[in-house]
Structure formats: C-alpha cells, structure tokens
C-alpha cells in the first residue's frame, strides 16, 4: 500500500476504523487509547515496514481488547 493510501483513522493491518483520537480533529487534543495499553512489539513487527508508524492499529489487531475492557471496569 503506497503511503498516499494510508488513512490515519484506519488500521493499517485490516482497514477497519482504529478509533485513534489523534486522527480525529474533534478529539486530537486527547491521548489515544493506545497510550494506555501495552502492545506486544511482535504485533508491530509483523506489519510490513512501509505501514509501521503511519497510523494506529485497531484494538483487535493490536490484540489489546482485554486490556481495554479491564481498564473500563470500576475498581471495587
């Protein structure tokens, strides 16, 4: 995929919306969800080099859905 085809609001792995707050002008002043999770470096290294550091992965492709759900749970 040429750089011109990279969309900052879409996952470079699957093409789905990535929910990146930085890619949305309405929420660009907020931290992205990915700042609060730990993404396995192997997941990022699995991307072709030309797609790395272009846009956020979606939570599913980043394999962090469980971390995001845990962060939403209230602390007893």
PDB file of N, CA and C in Angstrom:
ATOM      1  N   UNK A   1       0.852  -1.173   0.000  1.00  0.00           N
ATOM      2  CA  UNK A   1       0.000   0.000   0.000  1.00  0.00           C
ATOM      3  C   UNK A   1       0.896   1.234   0.000  1.00  0.00           C
ATOM      4  N   UNK A   2       0.768   2.106  -1.006  1.00  0.00           N
ATOM      5  CA  UNK A   2       1.570   3.326  -1.015  1.00  0.00           C
ATOM      6  C   UNK A   2       1.183   4.236   0.140  1.00  0.00           C
ATOM      7  N   UNK A   3       2.147   5.080   0.566  1.00  0.00           N
ATOM      8  CA  UNK A   3       1.882   5.996   1.686  1.00  0.00           C
ATOM      9  C   UNK A   3       0.633   6.837   1.449  1.00  0.00           C
ATOM     10  N   UNK A   4       0.351   7.179   0.192  1.00  0.00           N
ATOM     11  CA  UNK A   4      -0.805   8.014  -0.092  1.00  0.00           C
ATOM     12  C   UNK A   4      -2.114   7.290   0.233  1.00  0.00           C
ATOM     13  N   UNK A   5      -2.078   5.959   0.307  1.00  0.00           N
ATOM     14  CA  UNK A   5      -3.271   5.184   0.638  1.00  0.00           C
ATOM     15  C   UNK A   5      -3.458   5.007   2.135  1.00  0.00           C
ATOM     16  N   UNK A   6      -2.467   5.384   2.939  1.00  0.00           N
ATOM     17  CA  UNK A   6      -2.563   5.237   4.382  1.00  0.00           C
ATOM     18  C   UNK A   6      -3.544   6.271   4.915  1.00  0.00           C
ATOM     19  N   UNK A   7      -4.518   5.785   5.675  1.00  0.00           N
ATOM     20  CA  UNK A   7      -5.515   6.676   6.276  1.00  0.00           C
ATOM     21  C   UNK A   7      -5.272   6.677   7.776  1.00  0.00           C
ATOM     22  N   UNK A   8      -5.018   7.829   8.387  1.00  0.00           N
ATOM     23  CA  UNK A   8      -4.689   7.868   9.813  1.00  0.00           C
ATOM     24  C   UNK A   8      -5.792   7.360  10.724  1.00  0.00           C
ATOM     25  N   UNK A   9      -7.040   7.337  10.245  1.00  0.00           N
ATOM     26  CA  UNK A   9      -8.141   6.870  11.083  1.00  0.00           C
ATOM     27  C   UNK A   9      -8.523   5.417  10.809  1.00  0.00           C
ATOM     28  N   UNK A  10      -7.676   4.708  10.045  1.00  0.00           N
ATOM     29  CA  UNK A  10      -7.933   3.306   9.744  1.00  0.00           C
ATOM     30  C   UNK A  10      -6.723   2.446  10.103  1.00  0.00           C
ATOM     31  N   UNK A  11      -7.008   1.239  10.520  1.00  0.00           N
ATOM     32  CA  UNK A  11      -5.974   0.281  10.908  1.00  0.00           C
ATOM     33  C   UNK A  11      -5.171  -0.145   9.673  1.00  0.00           C
ATOM     34  N   UNK A  12      -3.842  -0.073   9.747  1.00  0.00           N
ATOM     35  CA  UNK A  12      -3.040  -0.479   8.601  1.00  0.00           C
ATOM     36  C   UNK A  12      -3.055  -1.988   8.367  1.00  0.00           C
ATOM     37  N   UNK A  13      -3.485  -2.772   9.354  1.00  0.00           N
ATOM     38  CA  UNK A  13      -3.497  -4.226   9.204  1.00  0.00           C
ATOM     39  C   UNK A  13      -4.782  -4.735   8.554  1.00  0.00           C
ATOM     40  N   UNK A  14      -5.933  -4.200   8.990  1.00  0.00           N
ATOM     41  CA  UNK A  14      -7.205  -4.732   8.489  1.00  0.00           C
ATOM     42  C   UNK A  14      -8.060  -3.711   7.752  1.00  0.00           C
ATOM     43  N   UNK A  15      -7.747  -2.431   7.889  1.00  0.00           N
ATOM     44  CA  UNK A  15      -8.509  -1.395   7.198  1.00  0.00           C
ATOM     45  C   UNK A  15      -9.723  -0.888   7.951  1.00  0.00           C
ATOM     46  N   UNK A  16     -10.020  -1.463   9.120  1.00  0.00           N
ATOM     47  CA  UNK A  16     -11.155  -1.004   9.928  1.00  0.00           C
ATOM     48  C   UNK A  16     -10.805   0.320  10.605  1.00  0.00           C
ATOM     49  N   UNK A  17     -11.815   1.020  11.076  1.00  0.00           N
ATOM     50  CA  UNK A  17     -11.567   2.250  11.842  1.00  0.00           C
ATOM     51  C   UNK A  17     -10.752   1.887  13.078  1.00  0.00           C
ATOM     52  N   UNK A  18      -9.786   2.718  13.415  1.00  0.00           N
ATOM     53  CA  UNK A  18      -8.888   2.397  14.527  1.00  0.00           C
ATOM     54  C   UNK A  18      -9.213   3.143  15.821  1.00  0.00           C
ATOM     55  N   UNK A  19     -10.211   4.015  15.800  1.00  0.00           N
ATOM     56  CA  UNK A  19     -10.619   4.775  16.986  1.00  0.00           C
ATOM     57  C   UNK A  19      -9.507   5.657  17.542  1.00  0.00           C
ATOM     58  N   UNK A  20      -8.591   6.088  16.697  1.00  0.00           N
ATOM     59  CA  UNK A  20      -7.496   6.950  17.131  1.00  0.00           C
ATOM     60  C   UNK A  20      -8.011   8.360  17.369  1.00  0.00           C
ATOM     61  N   UNK A  21      -7.893   8.830  18.588  1.00  0.00           N
ATOM     62  CA  UNK A  21      -8.360  10.185  18.891  1.00  0.00           C
ATOM     63  C   UNK A  21      -7.487  11.238  18.228  1.00  0.00           C
ATOM     64  N   UNK A  22      -6.229  10.929  17.988  1.00  0.00           N
ATOM     65  CA  UNK A  22      -5.328  11.896  17.352  1.00  0.00           C
ATOM     66  C   UNK A  22      -5.644  12.084  15.875  1.00  0.00           C
ATOM     67  N   UNK A  23      -6.266  11.102  15.251  1.00  0.00           N
ATOM     68  CA  UNK A  23      -6.605  11.183  13.830  1.00  0.00           C
ATOM     69  C   UNK A  23      -7.901  11.952  13.585  1.00  0.00           C
ATOM     70  N   UNK A  24      -8.645  12.213  14.639  1.00  0.00           N
ATOM     71  CA  UNK A  24      -9.918  12.924  14.525  1.00  0.00           C
ATOM     72  C   UNK A  24      -9.731  14.353  15.025  1.00  0.00           C
ATOM     73  N   UNK A  25      -9.909  15.342  14.156  1.00  0.00           N
ATOM     74  CA  UNK A  25      -9.696  16.736  14.586  1.00  0.00           C
ATOM     75  C   UNK A  25     -10.535  17.139  15.800  1.00  0.00           C
ATOM     76  N   UNK A  26     -11.685  16.490  15.985  1.00  0.00           N
ATOM     77  CA  UNK A  26     -12.554  16.829  17.126  1.00  0.00           C
ATOM     78  C   UNK A  26     -11.982  16.367  18.451  1.00  0.00           C
ATOM     79  N   UNK A  27     -11.103  15.363  18.421  1.00  0.00           N
ATOM     80  CA  UNK A  27     -10.555  14.807  19.657  1.00  0.00           C
ATOM     81  C   UNK A  27      -9.024  14.791  19.656  1.00  0.00           C
ATOM     82  N   UNK A  28      -8.422  15.507  18.739  1.00  0.00           N
ATOM     83  CA  UNK A  28      -6.962  15.472  18.578  1.00  0.00           C
ATOM     84  C   UNK A  28      -6.209  15.993  19.804  1.00  0.00           C
ATOM     85  N   UNK A  29      -6.890  16.677  20.709  1.00  0.00           N
ATOM     86  CA  UNK A  29      -6.232  17.181  21.912  1.00  0.00           C
ATOM     87  C   UNK A  29      -6.233  16.151  23.048  1.00  0.00           C
ATOM     88  N   UNK A  30      -6.784  14.962  22.791  1.00  0.00           N
ATOM     89  CA  UNK A  30      -6.836  13.895  23.791  1.00  0.00           C
ATOM     90  C   UNK A  30      -5.837  12.796  23.447  1.00  0.00           C
ATOM     91  N   UNK A  31      -5.395  12.089  24.470  1.00  0.00           N
ATOM     92  CA  UNK A  31      -4.499  10.958  24.235  1.00  0.00           C
ATOM     93  C   UNK A  31      -5.258   9.846  23.524  1.00  0.00           C
ATOM     94  N   UNK A  32      -4.564   9.125  22.693  1.00  0.00           N
ATOM     95  CA  UNK A  32      -5.139   7.974  22.003  1.00  0.00           C
ATOM     96  C   UNK A  32      -5.291   6.815  22.985  1.00  0.00           C
ATOM     97  N   UNK A  33      -6.246   5.940  22.718  1.00  0.00           N
ATOM     98  CA  UNK A  33      -6.463   4.752  23.554  1.00  0.00           C
ATOM     99  C   UNK A  33      -5.191   3.915  23.648  1.00  0.00           C
ATOM    100  N   UNK A  34      -4.362   3.955  22.601  1.00  0.00           N
ATOM    101  CA  UNK A  34      -3.176   3.091  22.575  1.00  0.00           C
ATOM    102  C   UNK A  34      -2.121   3.522  23.595  1.00  0.00           C
ATOM    103  N   UNK A  35      -2.219   4.740  24.122  1.00  0.00           N
ATOM    104  CA  UNK A  35      -1.259   5.200  25.130  1.00  0.00           C
ATOM    105  C   UNK A  35      -1.439   4.467  26.459  1.00  0.00           C
ATOM    106  N   UNK A  36      -2.625   3.887  26.677  1.00  0.00           N
ATOM    107  CA  UNK A  36      -2.923   3.245  27.950  1.00  0.00           C
ATOM    108  C   UNK A  36      -2.830   1.730  27.935  1.00  0.00           C
ATOM    109  N   UNK A  37      -2.285   1.168  26.858  1.00  0.00           N
ATOM    110  CA  UNK A  37      -2.172  -0.289  26.766  1.00  0.00           C
ATOM    111  C   UNK A  37      -0.740  -0.676  26.412  1.00  0.00           C
ATOM    112  N   UNK A  38      -0.466  -1.950  26.569  1.00  0.00           N
ATOM    113  CA  UNK A  38       0.842  -2.480  26.207  1.00  0.00           C
ATOM    114  C   UNK A  38       0.671  -3.363  24.969  1.00  0.00           C
ATOM    115  N   UNK A  39       1.235  -2.924  23.849  1.00  0.00           N
ATOM    116  CA  UNK A  39       1.146  -3.676  22.598  1.00  0.00           C
ATOM    117  C   UNK A  39       2.427  -4.484  22.432  1.00  0.00           C
ATOM    118  N   UNK A  40       2.260  -5.761  22.202  1.00  0.00           N
ATOM    119  CA  UNK A  40       3.397  -6.660  22.009  1.00  0.00           C
ATOM    120  C   UNK A  40       4.210  -6.175  20.801  1.00  0.00           C
ATOM    121  N   UNK A  41       5.498  -5.934  20.965  1.00  0.00           N
ATOM    122  CA  UNK A  41       6.324  -5.484  19.841  1.00  0.00           C
ATOM    123  C   UNK A  41       6.257  -6.423  18.631  1.00  0.00           C
ATOM    124  N   UNK A  42       6.022  -7.712  18.862  1.00  0.00           N
ATOM    125  CA  UNK A  42       5.926  -8.663  17.751  1.00  0.00           C
ATOM    126  C   UNK A  42       4.732  -8.350  16.848  1.00  0.00           C
ATOM    127  N   UNK A  43       3.669  -7.801  17.438  1.00  0.00           N
ATOM    128  CA  UNK A  43       2.498  -7.426  16.647  1.00  0.00           C
ATOM    129  C   UNK A  43       2.880  -6.302  15.688  1.00  0.00           C
ATOM    130  N   UNK A  44       3.604  -5.321  16.189  1.00  0.00           N
ATOM    131  CA  UNK A  44       4.028  -4.204  15.344  1.00  0.00           C
ATOM    132  C   UNK A  44       5.040  -4.647  14.296  1.00  0.00           C
ATOM    133  N   UNK A  45       5.939  -5.538  14.683  1.00  0.00           N
ATOM    134  CA  UNK A  45       6.957  -6.024  13.751  1.00  0.00           C
ATOM    135  C   UNK A  45       6.357  -6.887  12.648  1.00  0.00           C
ATOM    136  N   UNK A  46       5.158  -7.421  12.871  1.00  0.00           N
ATOM    137  CA  UNK A  46       4.501  -8.233  11.853  1.00  0.00           C
ATOM    138  C   UNK A  46       3.964  -7.388  10.704  1.00  0.00           C
ATOM    139  N   UNK A  47       3.812  -6.089  10.948  1.00  0.00           N
ATOM    140  CA  UNK A  47       3.374  -5.195   9.872  1.00  0.00           C
ATOM    141  C   UNK A  47       4.493  -5.013   8.862  1.00  0.00           C
ATOM    142  N   UNK A  48       4.155  -4.873   7.588  1.00  0.00           N
ATOM    143  CA  UNK A  48       5.194  -4.541   6.620  1.00  0.00           C
ATOM    144  C   UNK A  48       5.844  -3.212   7.013  1.00  0.00           C
ATOM    145  N   UNK A  49       7.139  -3.075   6.834  1.00  0.00           N
ATOM    146  CA  UNK A  49       7.837  -1.851   7.257  1.00  0.00           C
ATOM    147  C   UNK A  49       7.204  -0.557   6.744  1.00  0.00           C
ATOM    148  N   UNK A  50       6.673  -0.571   5.538  1.00  0.00           N
ATOM    149  CA  UNK A  50       6.102   0.652   4.980  1.00  0.00           C
ATOM    150  C   UNK A  50       4.791   1.067   5.641  1.00  0.00           C
ATOM    151  N   UNK A  51       4.183   0.173   6.442  1.00  0.00           N
ATOM    152  CA  UNK A  51       2.943   0.503   7.144  1.00  0.00           C
ATOM    153  C   UNK A  51       3.156   0.870   8.604  1.00  0.00           C
ATOM    154  N   UNK A  52       4.352   0.673   9.106  1.00  0.00           N
ATOM    155  CA  UNK A  52       4.636   0.986  10.508  1.00  0.00           C
ATOM    156  C   UNK A  52       4.713   2.505  10.703  1.00  0.00           C
ATOM    157  N   UNK A  53       4.263   2.932  11.878  1.00  0.00           N
ATOM    158  CA  UNK A  53       4.331   4.350  12.264  1.00  0.00           C
ATOM    159  C   UNK A  53       3.570   5.269  11.315  1.00  0.00           C
ATOM    160  N   UNK A  54       2.555   4.739  10.660  1.00  0.00           N
ATOM    161  CA  UNK A  54       1.733   5.536   9.760  1.00  0.00           C
ATOM    162  C   UNK A  54       0.375   5.845  10.369  1.00  0.00           C
ATOM    163  N   UNK A  55      -0.185   4.867  11.089  1.00  0.00           N
ATOM    164  CA  UNK A  55      -1.472   5.041  11.746  1.00  0.00           C
ATOM    165  C   UNK A  55      -1.601   3.964  12.825  1.00  0.00           C
ATOM    166  N   UNK A  56      -2.539   4.169  13.745  1.00  0.00           N
ATOM    167  CA  UNK A  56      -2.761   3.215  14.830  1.00  0.00           C
ATOM    168  C   UNK A  56      -3.395   1.940  14.305  1.00  0.00           C
ATOM    169  N   UNK A  57      -3.032   0.844  14.928  1.00  0.00           N
ATOM    170  CA  UNK A  57      -3.768  -0.392  14.726  1.00  0.00           C
ATOM    171  C   UNK A  57      -5.125  -0.247  15.409  1.00  0.00           C
ATOM    172  N   UNK A  58      -6.087  -1.044  15.015  1.00  0.00           N
ATOM    173  CA  UNK A  58      -7.337  -1.085  15.765  1.00  0.00           C
ATOM    174  C   UNK A  58      -7.093  -1.955  17.005  1.00  0.00           C
ATOM    175  N   UNK A  59      -7.928  -1.842  18.035  1.00  0.00           N
ATOM    176  CA  UNK A  59      -7.722  -2.652  19.240  1.00  0.00           C
ATOM    177  C   UNK A  59      -7.658  -4.152  18.967  1.00  0.00           C
ATOM    178  N   UNK A  60      -8.456  -4.635  18.010  1.00  0.00           N
ATOM    179  CA  UNK A  60      -8.444  -6.074  17.703  1.00  0.00           C
ATOM    180  C   UNK A  60      -7.103  -6.493  17.128  1.00  0.00           C
ATOM    181  N   UNK A  61      -6.607  -5.771  16.135  1.00  0.00           N
ATOM    182  CA  UNK A  61      -5.326  -6.135  15.531  1.00  0.00           C
ATOM    183  C   UNK A  61      -4.153  -5.907  16.491  1.00  0.00           C
ATOM    184  N   UNK A  62      -4.292  -4.931  17.373  1.00  0.00           N
ATOM    185  CA  UNK A  62      -3.247  -4.684  18.374  1.00  0.00           C
ATOM    186  C   UNK A  62      -3.288  -5.730  19.488  1.00  0.00           C
ATOM    187  N   UNK A  63      -4.340  -6.544  19.484  1.00  0.00           N
ATOM    188  CA  UNK A  63      -4.525  -7.612  20.463  1.00  0.00           C
ATOM    189  C   UNK A  63      -4.572  -7.075  21.896  1.00  0.00           C
ATOM    190  N   UNK A  64      -5.322  -5.984  22.086  1.00  0.00           N
ATOM    191  CA  UNK A  64      -5.406  -5.352  23.404  1.00  0.00           C
ATOM    192  C   UNK A  64      -6.851  -5.179  23.882  1.00  0.00           C
ATOM    193  N   UNK A  65      -7.785  -5.851  23.252  1.00  0.00           N
ATOM    194  CA  UNK A  65      -9.180  -5.673  23.646  1.00  0.00           C
ATOM    195  C   UNK A  65      -9.412  -6.002  25.119  1.00  0.00           C
ATOM    196  N   UNK A  66      -8.762  -7.054  25.623  1.00  0.00           N
ATOM    197  CA  UNK A  66      -8.926  -7.433  27.033  1.00  0.00           C
ATOM    198  C   UNK A  66      -8.385  -6.337  27.947  1.00  0.00           C
ATOM    199  N   UNK A  67      -7.267  -5.728  27.578  1.00  0.00           N
ATOM    200  CA  UNK A  67      -6.705  -4.636  28.389  1.00  0.00           C
ATOM    201  C   UNK A  67      -7.660  -3.448  28.436  1.00  0.00           C
ATOM    202  N   UNK A  68      -8.275  -3.129  27.305  1.00  0.00           N
ATOM    203  CA  UNK A  68      -9.209  -2.003  27.264  1.00  0.00           C
ATOM    204  C   UNK A  68     -10.455  -2.284  28.103  1.00  0.00           C
ATOM    205  N   UNK A  69     -10.952  -3.520  28.044  1.00  0.00           N
ATOM    206  CA  UNK A  69     -12.111  -3.878  28.847  1.00  0.00           C
ATOM    207  C   UNK A  69     -11.790  -3.813  30.339  1.00  0.00           C
ATOM    208  N   UNK A  70     -10.609  -4.283  30.716  1.00  0.00           N
ATOM    209  CA  UNK A  70     -10.206  -4.247  32.125  1.00  0.00           C
ATOM    210  C   UNK A  70     -10.100  -2.816  32.616  1.00  0.00           C
ATOM    211  N   UNK A  71      -9.643  -1.922  31.760  1.00  0.00           N
ATOM    212  CA  UNK A  71      -9.489  -0.513  32.143  1.00  0.00           C
ATOM    213  C   UNK A  71     -10.846   0.145  32.364  1.00  0.00           C
ATOM    214  N   UNK A  72     -11.882  -0.366  31.720  1.00  0.00           N
ATOM    215  CA  UNK A  72     -13.234   0.206  31.870  1.00  0.00           C
ATOM    216  C   UNK A  72     -13.949  -0.259  33.124  1.00  0.00           C
ATOM    217  N   UNK A  73     -13.495  -1.391  33.691  1.00  0.00           N
ATOM    218  CA  UNK A  73     -14.155  -1.934  34.883  1.00  0.00           C
ATOM    219  C   UNK A  73     -13.933  -1.029  36.080  1.00  0.00           C
ATOM    220  N   UNK A  74     -14.989  -0.782  36.853  1.00  0.00           N
ATOM    221  CA  UNK A  74     -14.802   0.030  38.068  1.00  0.00           C
ATOM    222  C   UNK A  74     -13.993  -0.729  39.105  1.00  0.00           C
ATOM    223  N   UNK A  75     -13.208   0.006  39.850  1.00  0.00           N
ATOM    224  CA  UNK A  75     -12.403  -0.588  40.925  1.00  0.00           C
ATOM    225  C   UNK A  75     -13.315  -0.720  42.146  1.00  0.00           C
ATOM    226  N   UNK A  76     -13.413  -1.946  42.730  1.00  0.00           N
ATOM    227  CA  UNK A  76     -14.326  -2.155  43.865  1.00  0.00           C
ATOM    228  C   UNK A  76     -13.860  -1.446  45.120  1.00  0.00           C
TER     229      UNK A  76
END
